[in-house]
Amino acid sequence: MALAKGIIAMLVTPFTSDYQLNEQALREEIRWALDNGADGLVAAPSIGEFLHLTESERVRVMEITLEEARRKPGTSTVAMTSGATTLETIHYARIAARMGYDAQQVIPPYYWRCGELEVERHFRMVAEAVELPVVIYHNPALSKFTITPKFAARLASIPNVIAMKEVLTDLQHLEALYDEIGGRISIYNTFRALLAGLMLGAAGGFINIFAVPAAVALIKAFRNGEIARAQEIQRRLNRCFPRGGEEALGHLGTTKVTASVVTGIEMGPARPPYMAPEGAAELIKQRLSSLKEVI
């Protein structure tokens, strides 16, 4: 199967003030994403704090996401199945497959450092163990492993691997990546390089929940041939949300705050010890009006 071409929304996992799963806020977040044009959903991705959830919480998030997605037929559903080991990943992959997810998102093991042989073994074992299509998630700041364009091409040859989510934004890397993949699997970019990816042939983007409306507007402008408009949306999108990415201190906390400000849904804090910098909400509110002018 193929995922929807377009915007796949990566959901944060809302918590109450005492760090319990907030199921109602999660349902509201999913409906907000779909109402704002998302073509698909990722349950409990990195910004959804999958590694901070108990197994029962993680499974419940997957259940709720699937329930809400089915309210809008045609919505692609992706479960983040990653674990610190291959066997843990396979465990969650089997759960997601039984539930009826369309695909699973998998990052290389993220605690002990791995080499290429180990990472390839990881993806092959997951892809072979469960008949649930695999989306490779490349995020070297979190996994401590860089997937080079040539290695990406090797991984793309594994049966049952159907797509890759790329967070890097360097144009030379992206050009080489698209050249090496050669259209054998779909590539989805991060919001910060969405337009560059589309110009190289991206299927769309795996987009943080707070950037969904702007990303939907950008992809619509691109498809309509309104390149200048798409460029302006991309510029304002990148200026609006604090830069630094996963390597920056306070990134996870800032993401939760940003999601709350943009959606109007209280997402609660990240689980300890992670915090947002002082003034994060005010900074987003100040920048958001400029972005809204072009979407």
Protein backbone atom coordinates (compact mmCIF):
# COMPACT_ATOMS: atom_id res chain seq x y z
CA MET A 1 0.00 0.00 0.00
CA ALA A 2 0.98 3.63 -0.34
CA LEU A 3 0.49 6.41 2.16
CA ALA A 4 -1.49 9.49 1.17
CA LYS A 5 0.51 12.05 -0.77
CA GLY A 6 0.28 15.20 1.25
CA ILE A 7 0.50 16.20 4.89
CA ILE A 8 0.87 13.52 7.56
CA ALA A 9 0.34 15.13 10.97
CA MET A 10 2.64 14.14 13.82
CA LEU A 11 0.65 14.34 17.03
CA VAL A 12 1.84 15.41 20.45
CA THR A 13 0.44 13.34 23.31
CA PRO A 14 -1.58 15.61 25.60
CA PHE A 15 -1.18 15.24 29.36
CA THR A 16 -3.02 16.65 32.33
CA SER A 17 -1.17 18.91 34.75
CA ASP A 18 -0.21 15.82 36.78
CA TYR A 19 1.18 14.07 33.66
CA GLN A 20 -1.69 11.65 33.02
CA LEU A 21 -2.88 10.89 29.49
CA ASN A 22 -5.54 13.40 28.44
CA GLU A 23 -7.72 11.36 26.09
CA GLN A 24 -10.24 14.12 25.37
CA ALA A 25 -7.50 16.57 24.36
CA LEU A 26 -5.97 13.92 22.08
CA ARG A 27 -9.31 13.43 20.33
CA GLU A 28 -9.68 17.19 19.93
CA GLU A 29 -6.14 17.46 18.53
CA ILE A 30 -6.81 14.75 15.94
CA ARG A 31 -10.06 16.38 14.85
CA TRP A 32 -8.27 19.73 14.62
CA ALA A 33 -5.56 18.21 12.40
CA LEU A 34 -8.11 16.62 10.07
CA ASP A 35 -10.26 19.76 9.98
CA ASN A 36 -7.16 21.73 8.98
CA GLY A 37 -6.39 19.50 6.02
CA ALA A 38 -4.12 16.71 7.26
CA ASP A 39 -4.15 13.65 4.99
CA GLY A 40 -2.78 11.30 7.63
CA LEU A 41 -1.79 10.93 11.28
CA VAL A 42 1.18 9.56 13.24
CA ALA A 43 0.30 8.16 16.67
CA ALA A 44 2.82 8.81 19.45
CA PRO A 45 5.81 9.90 17.33
CA SER A 46 8.93 11.45 18.87
CA ILE A 47 7.07 14.66 19.75
CA GLY A 48 4.30 12.38 21.03
CA GLU A 49 6.75 11.09 23.65
CA PHE A 50 6.40 7.42 22.72
CA LEU A 51 9.40 6.49 24.84
CA HIS A 52 7.89 8.25 27.89
CA LEU A 53 4.65 6.25 27.76
CA THR A 54 3.85 2.99 29.50
CA GLU A 55 2.81 0.18 27.18
CA SER A 56 -0.85 0.59 28.13
CA GLU A 57 -0.70 4.34 27.50
CA ARG A 58 1.01 3.89 24.17
CA VAL A 59 -1.52 1.33 23.03
CA ARG A 60 -4.37 3.59 24.16
CA VAL A 61 -2.96 6.48 22.12
CA MET A 62 -2.82 4.17 19.11
CA GLU A 63 -6.43 3.08 19.68
CA ILE A 64 -7.75 6.63 19.99
CA THR A 65 -5.85 7.81 16.93
CA LEU A 66 -7.28 5.01 14.83
CA GLU A 67 -10.82 5.58 16.13
CA GLU A 68 -10.70 9.28 15.24
CA ALA A 69 -8.99 8.71 11.88
CA ARG A 70 -11.81 6.42 10.81
CA ARG A 71 -14.23 9.33 11.11
CA LYS A 72 -12.61 10.66 7.92
CA PRO A 73 -12.34 7.85 5.33
CA GLY A 74 -9.10 7.83 3.39
CA THR A 75 -6.97 9.15 6.25
CA SER A 76 -3.59 7.40 6.35
CA THR A 77 -2.66 6.05 9.76
CA VAL A 78 0.91 5.51 10.92
CA ALA A 79 1.97 4.13 14.30
CA MET A 80 5.35 4.95 15.77
CA THR A 81 6.51 1.44 16.72
CA SER A 82 10.12 2.24 17.55
CA GLY A 83 11.85 0.86 20.60
CA ALA A 84 15.36 0.77 21.99
CA THR A 85 15.76 -2.74 20.56
CA THR A 86 14.55 -4.51 17.44
CA LEU A 87 12.47 -6.96 19.47
CA GLU A 88 10.64 -4.13 21.23
CA THR A 89 9.92 -2.51 17.88
CA ILE A 90 8.54 -5.78 16.51
CA HIS A 91 6.31 -6.09 19.58
CA TYR A 92 4.66 -2.72 18.89
CA ALA A 93 4.58 -3.42 15.16
CA ARG A 94 2.48 -6.51 15.82
CA ILE A 95 0.10 -4.51 17.98
CA ALA A 96 -0.27 -1.83 15.30
CA ALA A 97 -0.80 -4.43 12.59
CA ARG A 98 -3.55 -6.16 14.58
CA MET A 99 -5.26 -2.81 15.07
CA GLY A 100 -5.30 -2.13 11.34
CA TYR A 101 -2.75 0.66 10.91
CA ASP A 102 -1.60 1.45 7.37
CA ALA A 103 2.10 1.71 8.22
CA GLN A 104 4.65 1.98 11.00
CA GLN A 105 7.33 4.62 11.52
CA VAL A 106 10.68 3.26 12.69
CA ILE A 107 13.81 5.09 13.83
CA PRO A 108 17.18 3.34 14.24
CA PRO A 109 17.77 2.14 17.85
CA TYR A 110 18.43 5.27 19.87
CA TYR A 111 20.43 4.47 23.01
CA TRP A 112 23.59 2.48 22.20
CA ARG A 113 25.30 3.66 19.05
CA CYS A 114 24.80 1.44 15.99
CA GLY A 115 26.73 0.85 12.79
CA GLU A 116 25.29 0.37 9.32
CA LEU A 117 25.17 -3.42 9.60
CA GLU A 118 23.21 -3.20 12.83
CA VAL A 119 20.79 -0.57 11.51
CA GLU A 120 20.21 -2.57 8.32
CA ARG A 121 19.62 -5.68 10.43
CA HIS A 122 17.13 -3.71 12.54
CA PHE A 123 15.05 -2.57 9.56
CA ARG A 124 15.20 -5.98 7.84
CA MET A 125 14.06 -7.83 10.95
CA VAL A 126 11.17 -5.42 11.53
CA ALA A 127 10.13 -5.45 7.86
CA GLU A 128 10.23 -9.25 7.71
CA ALA A 129 8.58 -9.96 11.06
CA VAL A 130 5.30 -8.13 10.47
CA GLU A 131 3.29 -7.43 7.34
CA LEU A 132 3.00 -3.76 8.23
CA PRO A 133 4.75 -1.38 5.80
CA VAL A 134 7.75 0.46 7.21
CA VAL A 135 8.46 4.19 7.04
CA ILE A 136 12.13 4.86 7.81
CA TYR A 137 12.49 7.78 10.20
CA HIS A 138 15.78 9.63 9.79
CA ASN A 139 16.49 11.86 12.76
CA PRO A 140 20.19 11.65 13.65
CA ALA A 141 19.90 14.08 16.57
CA LEU A 142 17.72 11.54 18.38
CA SER A 143 19.02 8.21 17.08
CA LYS A 144 22.71 9.18 17.04
CA PHE A 145 22.91 7.53 13.61
CA THR A 146 23.15 9.30 10.26
CA ILE A 147 21.55 7.62 7.25
CA THR A 148 23.63 8.72 4.29
CA PRO A 149 21.97 8.92 0.87
CA LYS A 150 23.81 5.77 -0.28
CA PHE A 151 22.78 3.85 2.84
CA ALA A 152 19.21 5.10 2.43
CA ALA A 153 19.21 3.49 -1.01
CA ARG A 154 20.23 0.17 0.58
CA LEU A 155 17.43 0.41 3.11
CA ALA A 156 14.97 1.33 0.35
CA SER A 157 15.67 -2.02 -1.30
CA ILE A 158 14.30 -3.95 1.71
CA PRO A 159 10.91 -5.47 0.87
CA ASN A 160 8.07 -3.87 2.88
CA VAL A 161 9.92 -0.55 3.27
CA ILE A 162 7.66 1.96 1.50
CA ALA A 163 8.74 5.44 2.57
CA MET A 164 11.21 7.63 4.45
CA LYS A 165 10.65 10.61 6.69
CA GLU A 166 13.68 12.94 6.41
CA VAL A 167 14.32 15.67 8.99
CA LEU A 168 17.57 17.04 7.57
CA THR A 169 17.27 20.26 5.57
CA ASP A 170 20.66 20.60 3.89
CA LEU A 171 19.99 20.93 0.16
CA GLN A 172 23.05 18.95 -0.96
CA HIS A 173 22.01 16.06 1.30
CA LEU A 174 18.43 16.19 0.02
CA GLU A 175 19.48 16.28 -3.63
CA ALA A 176 21.74 13.26 -3.13
CA LEU A 177 19.02 11.45 -1.19
CA TYR A 178 16.44 11.85 -3.94
CA ASP A 179 19.00 10.84 -6.56
CA GLU A 180 20.00 7.68 -4.68
CA ILE A 181 16.42 6.63 -3.83
CA GLY A 182 15.40 7.21 -7.43
CA GLY A 183 11.68 7.03 -6.71
CA ARG A 184 11.80 3.47 -5.35
CA ILE A 185 10.11 4.58 -2.13
CA SER A 186 8.29 7.78 -1.21
CA ILE A 187 10.12 10.53 0.67
CA TYR A 188 8.40 12.91 3.09
CA ASN A 189 10.16 16.01 4.36
CA THR A 190 10.04 18.00 7.58
CA PHE A 191 8.15 21.30 7.52
CA ARG A 192 11.38 23.31 7.42
CA ALA A 193 12.30 21.86 4.02
CA LEU A 194 8.84 21.08 2.68
CA LEU A 195 9.08 23.26 -0.42
CA ALA A 196 12.58 22.04 -1.27
CA GLY A 197 11.36 18.47 -0.93
CA LEU A 198 8.34 19.06 -3.15
CA MET A 199 10.57 20.53 -5.84
CA LEU A 200 12.73 17.40 -5.66
CA GLY A 201 9.73 15.07 -5.89
CA ALA A 202 8.57 14.54 -2.30
CA ALA A 203 5.30 12.75 -1.66
CA GLY A 204 4.57 15.37 1.00
CA GLY A 205 5.64 15.95 4.57
CA PHE A 206 5.49 14.41 8.01
CA ILE A 207 4.61 17.63 9.80
CA ASN A 208 4.54 18.65 13.48
CA ILE A 209 0.94 19.29 14.52
CA PHE A 210 1.47 23.03 14.97
CA ALA A 211 2.72 23.48 11.39
CA VAL A 212 -0.12 21.56 9.70
CA PRO A 213 -2.25 24.52 8.49
CA ALA A 214 0.74 26.30 6.96
CA ALA A 215 2.07 23.09 5.40
CA VAL A 216 -1.36 22.36 3.89
CA ALA A 217 -1.46 25.89 2.42
CA LEU A 218 2.09 25.51 1.10
CA ILE A 219 1.47 22.22 -0.65
CA LYS A 220 -1.76 23.56 -2.16
CA ALA A 221 0.08 26.62 -3.52
CA PHE A 222 2.82 24.41 -4.95
CA ARG A 223 0.36 22.10 -6.66
CA ASN A 224 -1.45 25.11 -8.14
CA GLY A 225 1.81 26.46 -9.56
CA GLU A 226 1.84 29.41 -7.15
CA ILE A 227 5.54 29.08 -6.42
CA ALA A 228 6.07 32.61 -5.11
CA ARG A 229 3.24 32.09 -2.61
CA ALA A 230 4.67 28.73 -1.58
CA GLN A 231 8.07 30.36 -1.04
CA GLU A 232 6.59 33.06 1.17
CA ILE A 233 4.68 30.53 3.26
CA GLN A 234 7.89 28.51 3.71
CA ARG A 235 9.84 31.62 4.76
CA ARG A 236 7.25 32.70 7.31
CA LEU A 237 6.75 29.15 8.56
CA ASN A 238 10.46 28.83 9.33
CA ARG A 239 10.58 32.25 11.00
CA CYS A 240 7.50 31.64 13.12
CA PHE A 241 8.61 28.58 15.00
CA PRO A 242 11.83 28.69 17.02
CA ARG A 243 14.77 27.10 15.27
CA GLY A 244 17.22 24.62 16.65
CA GLY A 245 15.34 21.37 16.24
CA GLU A 246 15.90 18.29 18.32
CA GLU A 247 19.46 19.25 19.24
CA ALA A 248 18.27 22.42 21.02
CA LEU A 249 17.65 22.55 24.76
CA GLY A 250 13.97 22.81 25.57
CA HIS A 251 12.85 21.49 22.17
CA LEU A 252 10.30 18.98 23.47
CA GLY A 253 8.79 21.38 26.00
CA THR A 254 8.63 24.12 23.37
CA THR A 255 6.84 21.76 21.00
CA LYS A 256 4.13 21.05 23.58
CA VAL A 257 3.67 24.77 24.27
CA THR A 258 3.60 25.60 20.56
CA ALA A 259 0.97 22.93 19.91
CA SER A 260 -1.19 24.38 22.67
CA VAL A 261 -0.90 27.95 21.35
CA VAL A 262 -1.57 27.10 17.70
CA THR A 263 -4.43 24.63 18.19
CA GLY A 264 -6.04 26.32 21.19
CA ILE A 265 -6.11 22.90 22.90
CA GLU A 266 -4.27 22.57 26.20
CA MET A 267 -1.67 19.85 25.58
CA GLY A 268 -0.16 20.00 29.05
CA PRO A 269 3.53 19.73 29.88
CA ALA A 270 6.10 17.30 28.60
CA ARG A 271 6.89 14.59 31.12
CA PRO A 272 9.73 15.41 33.53
CA PRO A 273 12.45 16.38 33.38
CA TYR A 274 11.70 18.14 30.09
CA MET A 275 10.64 21.80 30.20
CA ALA A 276 9.87 24.67 27.88
CA PRO A 277 12.03 27.81 28.04
CA GLU A 278 10.59 30.85 29.80
CA GLY A 279 8.45 32.95 27.49
CA ALA A 280 7.99 30.26 24.83
CA ALA A 281 4.23 30.82 24.56
CA GLU A 282 4.56 34.58 24.26
CA LEU A 283 7.20 34.24 21.55
CA ILE A 284 4.97 31.97 19.47
CA LYS A 285 1.96 34.27 19.88
CA GLN A 286 4.04 37.23 18.67
CA ARG A 287 5.23 35.41 15.56
CA LEU A 288 2.02 33.60 14.64
CA SER A 289 0.14 36.59 13.19
CA SER A 290 2.69 37.02 10.38
CA LEU A 291 2.27 33.39 9.37
CA LYS A 292 -1.53 33.53 9.51
CA GLU A 293 -1.48 36.44 7.02
CA VAL A 294 -0.31 34.13 4.22
CA ILE A 295 -2.32 30.98 4.95
